[in-house]
Amino acid sequence: MPMAASEIENLIKAALPDAEIRIDDLRGDGDHYLANVVSSAFVGKSRVQQHQMVYEALQGRMGGELHALALQTSAPESS
């Protein structure tokens, strides 16, 4: 059974409470998503480390309930 975008967002928010998250269903099938995640927790982290943090937040659901997730991550821009 596919994973709802709201569930993906809730899992990421639980791990990264300050995150600004936008989830797009790329194919309209509830199985292929793009997540854009901006969090201060990413400051000083490489892109790989940022993605690892998001995957950890998903608690092992990648490849099972969640078939495909493209990630765009960044730290907030300072003003």
PDB file of N, CA and C in Angstrom:
ATOM      1  N   MET A   1       0.852  -1.186   0.000  1.00  0.00           N
ATOM      2  CA  MET A   1       0.000   0.000   0.000  1.00  0.00           C
ATOM      3  C   MET A   1       0.892   1.242   0.000  1.00  0.00           C
ATOM      4  N   PRO A   2       0.629   2.173  -0.894  1.00  0.00           N
ATOM      5  CA  PRO A   2       1.451   3.391  -0.955  1.00  0.00           C
ATOM      6  C   PRO A   2       1.366   4.213   0.325  1.00  0.00           C
ATOM      7  N   MET A   3       2.351   5.023   0.509  1.00  0.00           N
ATOM      8  CA  MET A   3       2.442   5.893   1.680  1.00  0.00           C
ATOM      9  C   MET A   3       1.910   7.272   1.322  1.00  0.00           C
ATOM     10  N   ALA A   4       1.069   7.834   2.169  1.00  0.00           N
ATOM     11  CA  ALA A   4       0.497   9.160   1.925  1.00  0.00           C
ATOM     12  C   ALA A   4       1.555  10.244   2.133  1.00  0.00           C
ATOM     13  N   ALA A   5       1.460  11.294   1.334  1.00  0.00           N
ATOM     14  CA  ALA A   5       2.384  12.428   1.458  1.00  0.00           C
ATOM     15  C   ALA A   5       2.347  13.003   2.871  1.00  0.00           C
ATOM     16  N   SER A   6       1.182  13.044   3.479  1.00  0.00           N
ATOM     17  CA  SER A   6       1.065  13.595   4.832  1.00  0.00           C
ATOM     18  C   SER A   6       1.841  12.755   5.841  1.00  0.00           C
ATOM     19  N   GLU A   7       1.899  11.444   5.628  1.00  0.00           N
ATOM     20  CA  GLU A   7       2.651  10.582   6.536  1.00  0.00           C
ATOM     21  C   GLU A   7       4.156  10.824   6.378  1.00  0.00           C
ATOM     22  N   ILE A   8       4.607  11.009   5.147  1.00  0.00           N
ATOM     23  CA  ILE A   8       6.015  11.331   4.901  1.00  0.00           C
ATOM     24  C   ILE A   8       6.361  12.632   5.619  1.00  0.00           C
ATOM     25  N   GLU A   9       5.522  13.632   5.436  1.00  0.00           N
ATOM     26  CA  GLU A   9       5.752  14.929   6.075  1.00  0.00           C
ATOM     27  C   GLU A   9       5.783  14.797   7.593  1.00  0.00           C
ATOM     28  N   ASN A  10       4.850  14.048   8.165  1.00  0.00           N
ATOM     29  CA  ASN A  10       4.796  13.880   9.623  1.00  0.00           C
ATOM     30  C   ASN A  10       6.058  13.209  10.166  1.00  0.00           C
ATOM     31  N   LEU A  11       6.565  12.197   9.462  1.00  0.00           N
ATOM     32  CA  LEU A  11       7.776  11.511   9.909  1.00  0.00           C
ATOM     33  C   LEU A  11       8.985  12.445   9.866  1.00  0.00           C
ATOM     34  N   ILE A  12       9.085  13.217   8.795  1.00  0.00           N
ATOM     35  CA  ILE A  12      10.212  14.159   8.685  1.00  0.00           C
ATOM     36  C   ILE A  12      10.101  15.231   9.759  1.00  0.00           C
ATOM     37  N   LYS A  13       8.901  15.752   9.980  1.00  0.00           N
ATOM     38  CA  LYS A  13       8.675  16.794  11.006  1.00  0.00           C
ATOM     39  C   LYS A  13       9.009  16.282  12.399  1.00  0.00           C
ATOM     40  N   ALA A  14       8.726  15.010  12.655  1.00  0.00           N
ATOM     41  CA  ALA A  14       9.021  14.444  13.977  1.00  0.00           C
ATOM     42  C   ALA A  14      10.525  14.437  14.238  1.00  0.00           C
ATOM     43  N   ALA A  15      11.316  14.178  13.197  1.00  0.00           N
ATOM     44  CA  ALA A  15      12.767  14.128  13.348  1.00  0.00           C
ATOM     45  C   ALA A  15      13.416  15.504  13.214  1.00  0.00           C
ATOM     46  N   LEU A  16      12.816  16.366  12.394  1.00  0.00           N
ATOM     47  CA  LEU A  16      13.359  17.702  12.123  1.00  0.00           C
ATOM     48  C   LEU A  16      12.241  18.726  12.345  1.00  0.00           C
ATOM     49  N   PRO A  17      11.932  19.036  13.609  1.00  0.00           N
ATOM     50  CA  PRO A  17      10.758  19.857  13.930  1.00  0.00           C
ATOM     51  C   PRO A  17      10.699  21.227  13.254  1.00  0.00           C
ATOM     52  N   ASP A  18      11.858  21.821  12.955  1.00  0.00           N
ATOM     53  CA  ASP A  18      11.841  23.152  12.348  1.00  0.00           C
ATOM     54  C   ASP A  18      11.743  23.099  10.822  1.00  0.00           C
ATOM     55  N   ALA A  19      11.688  21.911  10.264  1.00  0.00           N
ATOM     56  CA  ALA A  19      11.753  21.760   8.810  1.00  0.00           C
ATOM     57  C   ALA A  19      10.562  22.386   8.093  1.00  0.00           C
ATOM     58  N   GLU A  20      10.885  23.027   6.978  1.00  0.00           N
ATOM     59  CA  GLU A  20       9.872  23.452   6.021  1.00  0.00           C
ATOM     60  C   GLU A  20       9.870  22.368   4.950  1.00  0.00           C
ATOM     61  N   ILE A  21       8.714  21.780   4.715  1.00  0.00           N
ATOM     62  CA  ILE A  21       8.629  20.605   3.854  1.00  0.00           C
ATOM     63  C   ILE A  21       7.576  20.819   2.778  1.00  0.00           C
ATOM     64  N   ARG A  22       7.960  20.482   1.555  1.00  0.00           N
ATOM     65  CA  ARG A  22       6.986  20.455   0.461  1.00  0.00           C
ATOM     66  C   ARG A  22       7.113  19.088  -0.204  1.00  0.00           C
ATOM     67  N   ILE A  23       5.991  18.392  -0.311  1.00  0.00           N
ATOM     68  CA  ILE A  23       5.992  17.071  -0.929  1.00  0.00           C
ATOM     69  C   ILE A  23       5.138  17.128  -2.184  1.00  0.00           C
ATOM     70  N   ASP A  24       5.709  16.697  -3.297  1.00  0.00           N
ATOM     71  CA  ASP A  24       4.983  16.643  -4.566  1.00  0.00           C
ATOM     72  C   ASP A  24       4.869  15.191  -5.000  1.00  0.00           C
ATOM     73  N   ASP A  25       3.664  14.786  -5.387  1.00  0.00           N
ATOM     74  CA  ASP A  25       3.428  13.454  -5.944  1.00  0.00           C
ATOM     75  C   ASP A  25       3.757  13.546  -7.430  1.00  0.00           C
ATOM     76  N   LEU A  26       4.879  12.989  -7.827  1.00  0.00           N
ATOM     77  CA  LEU A  26       5.397  13.178  -9.174  1.00  0.00           C
ATOM     78  C   LEU A  26       4.553  12.542 -10.268  1.00  0.00           C
ATOM     79  N   ARG A  27       3.899  11.424  -9.955  1.00  0.00           N
ATOM     80  CA  ARG A  27       3.126  10.718 -10.979  1.00  0.00           C
ATOM     81  C   ARG A  27       1.637  10.645 -10.668  1.00  0.00           C
ATOM     82  N   GLY A  28       1.257  11.166  -9.520  1.00  0.00           N
ATOM     83  CA  GLY A  28      -0.152  11.092  -9.131  1.00  0.00           C
ATOM     84  C   GLY A  28      -0.573   9.704  -8.678  1.00  0.00           C
ATOM     85  N   ASP A  29       0.427   8.847  -8.387  1.00  0.00           N
ATOM     86  CA  ASP A  29       0.108   7.469  -8.012  1.00  0.00           C
ATOM     87  C   ASP A  29       0.333   7.172  -6.531  1.00  0.00           C
ATOM     88  N   GLY A  30       0.732   8.194  -5.762  1.00  0.00           N
ATOM     89  CA  GLY A  30       0.982   7.985  -4.341  1.00  0.00           C
ATOM     90  C   GLY A  30       2.183   7.103  -4.075  1.00  0.00           C
ATOM     91  N   ASP A  31       3.049   6.957  -5.059  1.00  0.00           N
ATOM     92  CA  ASP A  31       4.174   6.043  -4.927  1.00  0.00           C
ATOM     93  C   ASP A  31       5.515   6.659  -5.341  1.00  0.00           C
ATOM     94  N   HIS A  32       5.471   7.831  -5.986  1.00  0.00           N
ATOM     95  CA  HIS A  32       6.686   8.496  -6.473  1.00  0.00           C
ATOM     96  C   HIS A  32       6.622   9.970  -6.047  1.00  0.00           C
ATOM     97  N   TYR A  33       7.457  10.332  -5.083  1.00  0.00           N
ATOM     98  CA  TYR A  33       7.393  11.669  -4.503  1.00  0.00           C
ATOM     99  C   TYR A  33       8.701  12.435  -4.676  1.00  0.00           C
ATOM    100  N   LEU A  34       8.561  13.736  -4.607  1.00  0.00           N
ATOM    101  CA  LEU A  34       9.693  14.654  -4.473  1.00  0.00           C
ATOM    102  C   LEU A  34       9.477  15.394  -3.168  1.00  0.00           C
ATOM    103  N   ALA A  35      10.470  15.372  -2.304  1.00  0.00           N
ATOM    104  CA  ALA A  35      10.395  16.105  -1.039  1.00  0.00           C
ATOM    105  C   ALA A  35      11.458  17.195  -1.040  1.00  0.00           C
ATOM    106  N   ASN A  36      11.004  18.408  -0.784  1.00  0.00           N
ATOM    107  CA  ASN A  36      11.903  19.542  -0.629  1.00  0.00           C
ATOM    108  C   ASN A  36      11.907  19.861   0.863  1.00  0.00           C
ATOM    109  N   VAL A  37      13.068  19.709   1.503  1.00  0.00           N
ATOM    110  CA  VAL A  37      13.166  19.869   2.955  1.00  0.00           C
ATOM    111  C   VAL A  37      14.227  20.913   3.277  1.00  0.00           C
ATOM    112  N   VAL A  38      13.821  21.941   4.020  1.00  0.00           N
ATOM    113  CA  VAL A  38      14.740  22.984   4.470  1.00  0.00           C
ATOM    114  C   VAL A  38      14.741  22.948   6.002  1.00  0.00           C
ATOM    115  N   SER A  39      15.922  22.769   6.590  1.00  0.00           N
ATOM    116  CA  SER A  39      16.009  22.684   8.046  1.00  0.00           C
ATOM    117  C   SER A  39      17.340  23.241   8.540  1.00  0.00           C
ATOM    118  N   SER A  40      17.300  23.903   9.682  1.00  0.00           N
ATOM    119  CA  SER A  40      18.540  24.409  10.283  1.00  0.00           C
ATOM    120  C   SER A  40      19.420  23.251  10.748  1.00  0.00           C
ATOM    121  N   ALA A  41      18.853  22.064  10.912  1.00  0.00           N
ATOM    122  CA  ALA A  41      19.650  20.889  11.296  1.00  0.00           C
ATOM    123  C   ALA A  41      20.650  20.521  10.208  1.00  0.00           C
ATOM    124  N   PHE A  42      20.456  21.020   8.993  1.00  0.00           N
ATOM    125  CA  PHE A  42      21.338  20.712   7.874  1.00  0.00           C
ATOM    126  C   PHE A  42      22.569  21.629   7.803  1.00  0.00           C
ATOM    127  N   VAL A  43      22.608  22.665   8.637  1.00  0.00           N
ATOM    128  CA  VAL A  43      23.734  23.600   8.602  1.00  0.00           C
ATOM    129  C   VAL A  43      25.034  22.834   8.860  1.00  0.00           C
ATOM    130  N   GLY A  44      26.010  23.030   7.975  1.00  0.00           N
ATOM    131  CA  GLY A  44      27.308  22.392   8.124  1.00  0.00           C
ATOM    132  C   GLY A  44      27.361  20.943   7.673  1.00  0.00           C
ATOM    133  N   LYS A  45      26.257  20.419   7.178  1.00  0.00           N
ATOM    134  CA  LYS A  45      26.200  19.031   6.726  1.00  0.00           C
ATOM    135  C   LYS A  45      26.332  18.974   5.215  1.00  0.00           C
ATOM    136  N   SER A  46      26.952  17.910   4.722  1.00  0.00           N
ATOM    137  CA  SER A  46      27.029  17.697   3.276  1.00  0.00           C
ATOM    138  C   SER A  46      25.642  17.284   2.765  1.00  0.00           C
ATOM    139  N   ARG A  47      25.455  17.350   1.473  1.00  0.00           N
ATOM    140  CA  ARG A  47      24.179  16.942   0.877  1.00  0.00           C
ATOM    141  C   ARG A  47      23.878  15.475   1.224  1.00  0.00           C
ATOM    142  N   VAL A  48      24.906  14.627   1.185  1.00  0.00           N
ATOM    143  CA  VAL A  48      24.719  13.212   1.526  1.00  0.00           C
ATOM    144  C   VAL A  48      24.257  13.073   2.974  1.00  0.00           C
ATOM    145  N   GLN A  49      24.886  13.809   3.881  1.00  0.00           N
ATOM    146  CA  GLN A  49      24.484  13.756   5.292  1.00  0.00           C
ATOM    147  C   GLN A  49      23.046  14.245   5.477  1.00  0.00           C
ATOM    148  N   GLN A  50      22.669  15.302   4.746  1.00  0.00           N
ATOM    149  CA  GLN A  50      21.302  15.816   4.828  1.00  0.00           C
ATOM    150  C   GLN A  50      20.311  14.746   4.388  1.00  0.00           C
ATOM    151  N   HIS A  51      20.609  14.086   3.283  1.00  0.00           N
ATOM    152  CA  HIS A  51      19.713  13.043   2.772  1.00  0.00           C
ATOM    153  C   HIS A  51      19.642  11.870   3.745  1.00  0.00           C
ATOM    154  N   GLN A  52      20.770  11.510   4.348  1.00  0.00           N
ATOM    155  CA  GLN A  52      20.773  10.437   5.333  1.00  0.00           C
ATOM    156  C   GLN A  52      19.869  10.774   6.515  1.00  0.00           C
ATOM    157  N   MET A  53      19.865  12.032   6.929  1.00  0.00           N
ATOM    158  CA  MET A  53      19.009  12.461   8.039  1.00  0.00           C
ATOM    159  C   MET A  53      17.535  12.286   7.679  1.00  0.00           C
ATOM    160  N   VAL A  54      17.178  12.617   6.446  1.00  0.00           N
ATOM    161  CA  VAL A  54      15.783  12.454   6.016  1.00  0.00           C
ATOM    162  C   VAL A  54      15.438  10.971   5.934  1.00  0.00           C
ATOM    163  N   TYR A  55      16.326  10.161   5.367  1.00  0.00           N
ATOM    164  CA  TYR A  55      16.056   8.722   5.276  1.00  0.00           C
ATOM    165  C   TYR A  55      15.906   8.104   6.658  1.00  0.00           C
ATOM    166  N   GLU A  56      16.724   8.534   7.628  1.00  0.00           N
ATOM    167  CA  GLU A  56      16.584   8.054   9.002  1.00  0.00           C
ATOM    168  C   GLU A  56      15.210   8.421   9.562  1.00  0.00           C
ATOM    169  N   ALA A  57      14.742   9.617   9.247  1.00  0.00           N
ATOM    170  CA  ALA A  57      13.439  10.069   9.724  1.00  0.00           C
ATOM    171  C   ALA A  57      12.313   9.177   9.195  1.00  0.00           C
ATOM    172  N   LEU A  58      12.522   8.573   8.029  1.00  0.00           N
ATOM    173  CA  LEU A  58      11.494   7.727   7.411  1.00  0.00           C
ATOM    174  C   LEU A  58      11.457   6.319   8.005  1.00  0.00           C
ATOM    175  N   GLN A  59      12.316   6.043   8.948  1.00  0.00           N
ATOM    176  CA  GLN A  59      12.286   4.827   9.762  1.00  0.00           C
ATOM    177  C   GLN A  59      12.186   3.537   8.953  1.00  0.00           C
ATOM    178  N   GLY A  60      13.025   3.414   7.939  1.00  0.00           N
ATOM    179  CA  GLY A  60      13.101   2.166   7.187  1.00  0.00           C
ATOM    180  C   GLY A  60      11.994   1.932   6.178  1.00  0.00           C
ATOM    181  N   ARG A  61      11.179   2.933   5.905  1.00  0.00           N
ATOM    182  CA  ARG A  61      10.063   2.748   4.969  1.00  0.00           C
ATOM    183  C   ARG A  61      10.469   2.861   3.493  1.00  0.00           C
ATOM    184  N   MET A  62      11.665   3.412   3.224  1.00  0.00           N
ATOM    185  CA  MET A  62      12.132   3.510   1.835  1.00  0.00           C
ATOM    186  C   MET A  62      12.288   2.112   1.258  1.00  0.00           C
ATOM    187  N   GLY A  63      11.798   1.943   0.031  1.00  0.00           N
ATOM    188  CA  GLY A  63      11.908   0.649  -0.634  1.00  0.00           C
ATOM    189  C   GLY A  63      10.783  -0.302  -0.285  1.00  0.00           C
ATOM    190  N   GLY A  64      10.010   0.028   0.737  1.00  0.00           N
ATOM    191  CA  GLY A  64       8.860  -0.796   1.114  1.00  0.00           C
ATOM    192  C   GLY A  64       7.589  -0.019   0.836  1.00  0.00           C
ATOM    193  N   GLU A  65       7.036   0.565   1.905  1.00  0.00           N
ATOM    194  CA  GLU A  65       5.829   1.393   1.755  1.00  0.00           C
ATOM    195  C   GLU A  65       6.078   2.572   0.826  1.00  0.00           C
ATOM    196  N   LEU A  66       7.283   3.095   0.881  1.00  0.00           N
ATOM    197  CA  LEU A  66       7.646   4.267   0.084  1.00  0.00           C
ATOM    198  C   LEU A  66       8.567   3.812  -1.036  1.00  0.00           C
ATOM    199  N   HIS A  67       8.036   3.757  -2.239  1.00  0.00           N
ATOM    200  CA  HIS A  67       8.772   3.196  -3.376  1.00  0.00           C
ATOM    201  C   HIS A  67       9.870   4.124  -3.883  1.00  0.00           C
ATOM    202  N   ALA A  68       9.535   5.398  -4.127  1.00  0.00           N
ATOM    203  CA  ALA A  68      10.510   6.320  -4.704  1.00  0.00           C
ATOM    204  C   ALA A  68      10.355   7.708  -4.100  1.00  0.00           C
ATOM    205  N   LEU A  69      11.483   8.241  -3.638  1.00  0.00           N
ATOM    206  CA  LEU A  69      11.485   9.580  -3.064  1.00  0.00           C
ATOM    207  C   LEU A  69      12.717  10.326  -3.556  1.00  0.00           C
ATOM    208  N   ALA A  70      12.491  11.344  -4.350  1.00  0.00           N
ATOM    209  CA  ALA A  70      13.575  12.236  -4.757  1.00  0.00           C
ATOM    210  C   ALA A  70      13.679  13.311  -3.678  1.00  0.00           C
ATOM    211  N   LEU A  71      14.900  13.663  -3.321  1.00  0.00           N
ATOM    212  CA  LEU A  71      15.106  14.639  -2.245  1.00  0.00           C
ATOM    213  C   LEU A  71      15.828  15.873  -2.738  1.00  0.00           C
ATOM    214  N   GLN A  72      15.367  17.008  -2.249  1.00  0.00           N
ATOM    215  CA  GLN A  72      16.085  18.273  -2.366  1.00  0.00           C
ATOM    216  C   GLN A  72      16.155  18.807  -0.948  1.00  0.00           C
ATOM    217  N   THR A  73      17.362  18.958  -0.433  1.00  0.00           N
ATOM    218  CA  THR A  73      17.531  19.419   0.937  1.00  0.00           C
ATOM    219  C   THR A  73      18.443  20.631   0.976  1.00  0.00           C
ATOM    220  N   SER A  74      18.221  21.471   1.987  1.00  0.00           N
ATOM    221  CA  SER A  74      19.090  22.635   2.179  1.00  0.00           C
ATOM    222  C   SER A  74      18.871  23.204   3.570  1.00  0.00           C
ATOM    223  N   ALA A  75      19.850  23.988   3.997  1.00  0.00           N
ATOM    224  CA  ALA A  75      19.717  24.762   5.223  1.00  0.00           C
ATOM    225  C   ALA A  75      19.037  26.070   4.853  1.00  0.00           C
ATOM    226  N   PRO A  76      18.353  26.710   5.794  1.00  0.00           N
ATOM    227  CA  PRO A  76      17.726  27.998   5.492  1.00  0.00           C
ATOM    228  C   PRO A  76      18.781  29.034   5.092  1.00  0.00           C
ATOM    229  N   GLU A  77      18.406  29.908   4.187  1.00  0.00           N
ATOM    230  CA  GLU A  77      19.319  30.974   3.790  1.00  0.00           C
ATOM    231  C   GLU A  77      19.322  32.027   4.887  1.00  0.00           C
ATOM    232  N   SER A  78      20.520  32.471   5.265  1.00  0.00           N
ATOM    233  CA  SER A  78      20.597  33.523   6.284  1.00  0.00           C
ATOM    234  C   SER A  78      20.403  34.877   5.623  1.00  0.00           C
ATOM    235  N   SER A  79      19.763  35.776   6.349  1.00  0.00           N
ATOM    236  CA  SER A  79      19.484  37.096   5.767  1.00  0.00           C
ATOM    237  C   SER A  79      20.495  38.118   6.168  1.00  0.00           C
TER     238      SER A  79
END
